[in-house]
Amino acid sequence: MSLVNWFLLSVLSLIWGGAFLFAKVAVAEIPPFVLVFFRVFSAACALHILLRFRKIPFPRDAGKLKALLVMGLLNNAVPFSLIFWGQTAVSAGLASILNAATPIFTVIVAVLVFAQEPFRTNRLAGVLIGFAGVAITLSTALDGIGEEPLWAQLACLGAALSYAFAATFARRFRSMSPMAAATGQLTGSSIIMLPIAIWQGTGWDFSQASQTAWLNVVCLGLLSTALAYLIYFRLLIKAGATNASLVTLLIPLSAILLSAAFLDEAVTPRQALGLGVILTGLVVLDGRAGIFLRRMAIRSAT
């Protein structure tokens, strides 16, 4: 990882961590499904313009378009809707902590459901540790002593599960330009969300939302979606998928810091402990820490 790639990784974690902050502000004034539509539609429009500018062809094959529609459902429409719906009742920091379970669910889906990958020891350990962290995070709601309702936290976990299915489904787009795939899935999710947004937005007026709320919508669409995809795909090409996945460890930390700074949200001790355990599980899941320790042990022994 070069310094440029580390910088891009940090910027990406701030942008995606900021998405929880932008959503928390906007969803207080805009219905959640309407907000999802504005996010994906604005991002799709921006990427379509960029595709034209860079002369990258948009897929027109019926099979690929259907697959992109499914990808838009799994990677955008469903998880964005669940997170925004959940954030009507939980803090931005807690939503980001629960979303950090995405790689844990991804391993389970890829290994047990679709048998795409082998189930190694470090992955089993990482999954078990990660689920312990999720249980700790949910424990306040289960004990009845927390302010955040259980249904909203489960909605955020449902989003993580949807991302996991999307990650396994995305393997079929390896031969497609990453930017074209991102534009296609956002276009698909815009089509899916349009009737749902019209249904939920009946009786709601644009003027009911403040300029601050609309500014956060713009940030969600153009920064946390369109620009984030461009940075992520650059990282994939320059640093590789494994290094790019490190952003998962940084997003909840960025979201918690931003929500504390701008929304005065506090993280409870149990939530902080749960995040620590989840991140430990992700480090074990990643496997590089174990390789490093083994190498250090071999060097010290010789």
Protein backbone atom coordinates (compact mmCIF):
# COMPACT_ATOMS: atom_id res chain seq x y z
CA MET A 1 0.00 0.00 0.00
CA SER A 2 1.51 3.32 -1.12
CA LEU A 3 0.90 6.57 0.77
CA VAL A 4 -1.53 7.62 -1.96
CA ASN A 5 -3.54 4.43 -1.46
CA TRP A 6 -3.59 4.88 2.31
CA PHE A 7 -4.81 8.45 1.78
CA LEU A 8 -7.56 7.25 -0.58
CA LEU A 9 -8.54 4.55 1.91
CA SER A 10 -8.83 7.15 4.69
CA VAL A 11 -10.85 9.50 2.50
CA LEU A 12 -13.17 6.66 1.48
CA SER A 13 -13.75 5.68 5.11
CA LEU A 14 -14.69 9.29 5.92
CA ILE A 15 -17.04 9.51 2.93
CA TRP A 16 -18.79 6.21 3.70
CA GLY A 17 -18.73 6.94 7.43
CA GLY A 18 -20.25 10.33 6.63
CA ALA A 19 -23.11 8.58 4.81
CA PHE A 20 -24.55 7.55 8.19
CA LEU A 21 -24.30 11.16 9.35
CA PHE A 22 -25.91 12.55 6.16
CA ALA A 23 -28.69 9.96 6.35
CA LYS A 24 -29.44 10.67 10.01
CA VAL A 25 -29.93 14.38 9.27
CA ALA A 26 -31.92 13.89 6.05
CA VAL A 27 -34.21 11.08 7.24
CA ALA A 28 -35.51 13.31 10.02
CA GLU A 29 -37.28 15.40 7.33
CA ILE A 30 -37.53 13.13 4.27
CA PRO A 31 -39.32 9.73 4.22
CA PRO A 32 -36.68 6.96 4.17
CA PHE A 33 -37.68 5.31 0.86
CA VAL A 34 -37.93 8.71 -0.84
CA LEU A 35 -34.45 9.47 0.47
CA VAL A 36 -33.12 6.19 -0.94
CA PHE A 37 -34.49 7.07 -4.39
CA PHE A 38 -32.89 10.51 -4.37
CA ARG A 39 -29.58 9.00 -3.31
CA VAL A 40 -29.38 6.33 -5.99
CA PHE A 41 -30.94 8.43 -8.76
CA SER A 42 -28.57 11.38 -8.27
CA ALA A 43 -25.57 9.03 -8.14
CA ALA A 44 -26.74 7.17 -11.26
CA CYS A 45 -27.13 10.44 -13.19
CA ALA A 46 -23.63 11.57 -12.17
CA LEU A 47 -22.06 8.26 -13.23
CA HIS A 48 -23.95 8.19 -16.54
CA ILE A 49 -22.47 11.59 -17.36
CA LEU A 50 -19.01 10.31 -16.44
CA LEU A 51 -19.48 7.20 -18.59
CA ARG A 52 -20.34 9.38 -21.58
CA PHE A 53 -17.36 11.64 -20.89
CA ARG A 54 -14.95 8.68 -20.68
CA LYS A 55 -16.65 6.89 -23.60
CA ILE A 56 -17.25 3.72 -21.59
CA PRO A 57 -20.15 1.73 -23.11
CA PHE A 58 -23.18 1.05 -20.94
CA PRO A 59 -24.26 -2.63 -21.04
CA ARG A 60 -27.23 -3.29 -23.32
CA ASP A 61 -27.41 -7.09 -23.23
CA ALA A 62 -30.72 -8.24 -21.72
CA GLY A 63 -29.05 -10.82 -19.49
CA LYS A 64 -26.58 -8.30 -18.07
CA LEU A 65 -29.32 -5.72 -17.55
CA LYS A 66 -31.38 -8.22 -15.54
CA ALA A 67 -28.32 -9.11 -13.47
CA LEU A 68 -27.63 -5.41 -12.82
CA LEU A 69 -31.24 -5.00 -11.71
CA VAL A 70 -30.76 -7.79 -9.16
CA MET A 71 -27.46 -6.22 -8.07
CA GLY A 72 -29.17 -2.87 -7.64
CA LEU A 73 -31.78 -4.57 -5.46
CA LEU A 74 -29.24 -6.38 -3.25
CA ASN A 75 -26.50 -3.74 -3.06
CA ASN A 76 -28.51 -0.52 -3.03
CA ALA A 77 -32.30 -0.66 -2.81
CA VAL A 78 -32.67 -3.17 0.05
CA PRO A 79 -29.70 -2.18 2.28
CA PHE A 80 -30.14 1.58 1.83
CA SER A 81 -33.85 1.25 2.64
CA LEU A 82 -33.20 -0.85 5.74
CA ILE A 83 -30.44 1.44 7.03
CA PHE A 84 -32.43 4.64 6.47
CA TRP A 85 -35.53 3.06 8.01
CA GLY A 86 -33.46 1.90 10.97
CA GLN A 87 -31.88 5.32 11.35
CA THR A 88 -35.27 6.84 12.06
CA ALA A 89 -34.86 5.24 15.49
CA VAL A 90 -31.13 4.55 16.07
CA SER A 91 -28.04 6.74 16.06
CA ALA A 92 -25.65 7.05 13.15
CA GLY A 93 -22.86 5.52 15.23
CA LEU A 94 -24.87 2.43 16.19
CA ALA A 95 -26.03 1.91 12.59
CA SER A 96 -22.39 1.96 11.43
CA ILE A 97 -21.37 -0.54 14.13
CA LEU A 98 -24.03 -3.03 13.02
CA ASN A 99 -23.15 -2.44 9.37
CA ALA A 100 -19.59 -3.53 10.19
CA ALA A 101 -20.96 -7.09 10.38
CA THR A 102 -21.15 -7.14 6.55
CA PRO A 103 -17.85 -9.07 6.01
CA ILE A 104 -18.93 -11.62 8.63
CA PHE A 105 -22.19 -12.30 6.79
CA THR A 106 -20.30 -12.30 3.49
CA VAL A 107 -18.09 -15.19 4.61
CA ILE A 108 -21.12 -17.19 5.74
CA VAL A 109 -23.02 -16.57 2.48
CA ALA A 110 -19.99 -17.21 0.25
CA VAL A 111 -18.95 -20.39 2.10
CA LEU A 112 -22.14 -22.02 3.38
CA VAL A 113 -24.82 -20.80 0.97
CA PHE A 114 -23.01 -20.70 -2.39
CA ALA A 115 -19.83 -22.70 -1.59
CA GLN A 116 -17.72 -20.13 -3.43
CA GLU A 117 -14.86 -20.15 -0.92
CA PRO A 118 -13.24 -22.63 1.50
CA PHE A 119 -14.02 -22.26 5.20
CA ARG A 120 -10.61 -21.79 6.85
CA THR A 121 -9.93 -21.79 10.57
CA ASN A 122 -9.30 -18.05 10.78
CA ARG A 123 -12.62 -17.39 9.03
CA LEU A 124 -14.53 -19.57 11.46
CA ALA A 125 -12.86 -17.82 14.40
CA GLY A 126 -13.50 -14.40 12.87
CA VAL A 127 -17.19 -15.18 12.31
CA LEU A 128 -17.66 -16.42 15.88
CA ILE A 129 -15.87 -13.40 17.37
CA GLY A 130 -17.80 -11.05 15.10
CA PHE A 131 -21.16 -12.50 16.11
CA ALA A 132 -20.16 -12.16 19.76
CA GLY A 133 -19.59 -8.47 19.07
CA VAL A 134 -23.01 -8.17 17.41
CA ALA A 135 -24.62 -9.89 20.42
CA ILE A 136 -22.93 -7.46 22.80
CA THR A 137 -24.11 -4.51 20.69
CA LEU A 138 -27.71 -5.79 20.67
CA SER A 139 -27.67 -6.74 24.36
CA THR A 140 -28.94 -3.38 25.63
CA ALA A 141 -32.09 -3.68 23.52
CA LEU A 142 -32.54 -7.36 24.48
CA ASP A 143 -32.16 -6.46 28.17
CA GLY A 144 -34.65 -3.61 27.79
CA ILE A 145 -32.22 -1.01 29.10
CA GLY A 146 -31.28 0.65 25.83
CA GLU A 147 -33.01 3.53 24.08
CA GLU A 148 -32.61 2.12 20.56
CA PRO A 149 -35.41 -0.32 19.62
CA LEU A 150 -34.52 -3.85 18.58
CA TRP A 151 -36.45 -3.68 15.27
CA ALA A 152 -34.32 -0.74 14.09
CA GLN A 153 -31.08 -2.51 14.98
CA LEU A 154 -32.24 -5.69 13.21
CA ALA A 155 -33.04 -3.55 10.15
CA CYS A 156 -29.40 -2.38 10.08
CA LEU A 157 -28.25 -6.01 10.43
CA GLY A 158 -30.58 -6.96 7.59
CA ALA A 159 -28.80 -4.38 5.43
CA ALA A 160 -25.47 -6.05 6.24
CA LEU A 161 -26.91 -9.42 5.20
CA SER A 162 -28.15 -7.94 1.91
CA TYR A 163 -24.67 -6.52 1.24
CA ALA A 164 -23.28 -10.03 1.81
CA PHE A 165 -25.54 -11.55 -0.85
CA ALA A 166 -24.62 -8.67 -3.17
CA ALA A 167 -20.90 -9.36 -2.68
CA THR A 168 -21.29 -12.97 -3.77
CA PHE A 169 -23.60 -12.06 -6.67
CA ALA A 170 -21.12 -9.41 -7.88
CA ARG A 171 -18.63 -12.08 -9.00
CA ARG A 172 -20.49 -12.38 -12.31
CA PHE A 173 -19.51 -8.81 -13.22
CA ARG A 174 -15.75 -9.45 -13.28
CA SER A 175 -15.61 -9.02 -17.06
CA MET A 176 -17.54 -5.76 -16.99
CA SER A 177 -16.04 -2.31 -16.49
CA PRO A 178 -16.35 -1.51 -12.74
CA MET A 179 -17.70 1.95 -13.52
CA ALA A 180 -20.28 0.52 -15.93
CA ALA A 181 -21.31 -2.04 -13.31
CA ALA A 182 -21.71 0.66 -10.66
CA THR A 183 -23.74 2.83 -13.04
CA GLY A 184 -25.88 -0.15 -14.04
CA GLN A 185 -26.70 -1.22 -10.50
CA LEU A 186 -27.55 2.34 -9.46
CA THR A 187 -29.77 2.71 -12.52
CA GLY A 188 -31.47 -0.57 -11.59
CA SER A 189 -32.00 0.49 -7.99
CA SER A 190 -33.42 3.85 -9.18
CA ILE A 191 -36.02 1.97 -11.26
CA ILE A 192 -36.87 -0.27 -8.29
CA MET A 193 -37.17 2.59 -5.81
CA LEU A 194 -39.18 4.99 -8.00
CA PRO A 195 -42.64 3.42 -7.45
CA ILE A 196 -41.86 2.79 -3.76
CA ALA A 197 -40.78 6.42 -3.31
CA ILE A 198 -43.94 7.65 -5.07
CA TRP A 199 -46.06 5.45 -2.79
CA GLN A 200 -44.38 6.63 0.43
CA GLY A 201 -44.11 10.22 -0.74
CA THR A 202 -47.85 10.60 -1.34
CA GLY A 203 -48.94 13.56 0.75
CA TRP A 204 -45.36 14.61 1.43
CA ASP A 205 -44.15 17.88 -0.11
CA PHE A 206 -40.61 18.84 -1.13
CA SER A 207 -40.97 22.12 0.77
CA GLN A 208 -41.33 20.19 4.03
CA ALA A 209 -37.59 19.49 4.00
CA SER A 210 -35.10 22.22 4.88
CA GLN A 211 -32.11 23.31 2.82
CA THR A 212 -29.90 21.46 5.31
CA ALA A 213 -31.76 18.23 4.64
CA TRP A 214 -31.43 18.65 0.85
CA LEU A 215 -27.74 19.45 1.21
CA ASN A 216 -27.32 16.13 3.01
CA VAL A 217 -29.21 14.40 0.18
CA VAL A 218 -26.73 15.86 -2.31
CA CYS A 219 -23.84 14.68 -0.14
CA LEU A 220 -25.36 11.19 0.05
CA GLY A 221 -25.78 10.92 -3.72
CA LEU A 222 -22.72 12.67 -5.10
CA LEU A 223 -20.17 12.14 -2.32
CA SER A 224 -21.12 8.96 -0.45
CA THR A 225 -22.24 7.09 -3.57
CA ALA A 226 -20.93 8.41 -6.90
CA LEU A 227 -17.53 9.72 -5.70
CA ALA A 228 -17.13 6.85 -3.23
CA TYR A 229 -17.52 4.28 -6.01
CA LEU A 230 -14.87 6.03 -8.11
CA ILE A 231 -12.39 6.02 -5.21
CA TYR A 232 -13.21 2.41 -4.30
CA PHE A 233 -12.69 1.16 -7.85
CA ARG A 234 -9.39 3.01 -8.06
CA LEU A 235 -8.32 1.29 -4.83
CA LEU A 236 -9.39 -2.08 -6.21
CA ILE A 237 -7.19 -1.56 -9.27
CA LYS A 238 -4.17 0.01 -7.55
CA ALA A 239 -4.15 -1.79 -4.18
CA GLY A 240 -6.16 -4.97 -4.73
CA ALA A 241 -9.42 -6.23 -3.25
CA THR A 242 -7.89 -7.36 0.05
CA ASN A 243 -6.34 -3.98 0.80
CA ALA A 244 -9.46 -2.15 -0.35
CA SER A 245 -11.53 -4.23 2.09
CA LEU A 246 -9.64 -2.60 4.97
CA VAL A 247 -12.11 0.28 4.65
CA THR A 248 -14.58 -1.94 6.55
CA LEU A 249 -12.47 -1.52 9.68
CA LEU A 250 -12.36 2.27 9.35
CA ILE A 251 -15.98 3.13 8.43
CA PRO A 252 -17.57 2.67 11.89
CA LEU A 253 -14.74 4.61 13.54
CA SER A 254 -15.22 7.47 11.07
CA ALA A 255 -19.00 7.41 11.51
CA ILE A 256 -18.75 7.46 15.30
CA LEU A 257 -16.26 10.35 15.30
CA LEU A 258 -18.33 12.38 12.82
CA SER A 259 -21.63 11.77 14.62
CA ALA A 260 -20.03 12.71 17.93
CA ALA A 261 -18.58 15.91 16.44
CA PHE A 262 -21.63 17.07 14.48
CA LEU A 263 -24.66 15.37 16.06
CA ASP A 264 -23.47 15.17 19.68
CA GLU A 265 -24.20 11.43 19.67
CA ALA A 266 -22.54 9.34 22.34
CA VAL A 267 -21.59 5.69 22.07
CA THR A 268 -22.53 3.61 25.09
CA PRO A 269 -19.90 1.40 26.78
CA ARG A 270 -21.63 -1.76 25.51
CA GLN A 271 -21.72 -0.41 21.95
CA ALA A 272 -18.03 0.49 22.16
CA LEU A 273 -17.22 -2.99 23.49
CA GLY A 274 -19.34 -4.57 20.76
CA LEU A 275 -17.53 -2.55 18.09
CA GLY A 276 -14.16 -3.59 19.52
CA VAL A 277 -15.12 -7.27 19.42
CA ILE A 278 -16.53 -6.96 15.86
CA LEU A 279 -13.34 -5.27 14.65
CA THR A 280 -11.29 -8.01 16.33
CA GLY A 281 -13.34 -10.56 14.43
CA LEU A 282 -12.71 -8.70 11.17
CA VAL A 283 -8.95 -8.65 11.82
CA VAL A 284 -8.98 -12.41 12.47
CA LEU A 285 -11.19 -12.90 9.41
CA ASP A 286 -8.76 -10.94 7.25
CA GLY A 287 -5.93 -13.32 8.20
CA ARG A 288 -3.03 -10.95 7.63
CA ALA A 289 -2.50 -10.31 11.34
CA GLY A 290 -2.03 -14.05 11.93
CA ILE A 291 0.44 -14.32 9.05
CA PHE A 292 2.40 -11.37 10.42
CA LEU A 293 2.55 -12.89 13.93
CA ARG A 294 3.69 -16.25 12.57
CA ARG A 295 6.45 -14.57 10.57
CA MET A 296 7.57 -12.63 13.63
CA ALA A 297 7.62 -15.87 15.67
CA ILE A 298 9.72 -17.62 13.02
CA ARG A 299 12.19 -14.71 12.87
CA SER A 300 12.54 -14.60 16.65
CA ALA A 301 13.16 -18.35 16.75
CA THR A 302 15.93 -18.28 14.11
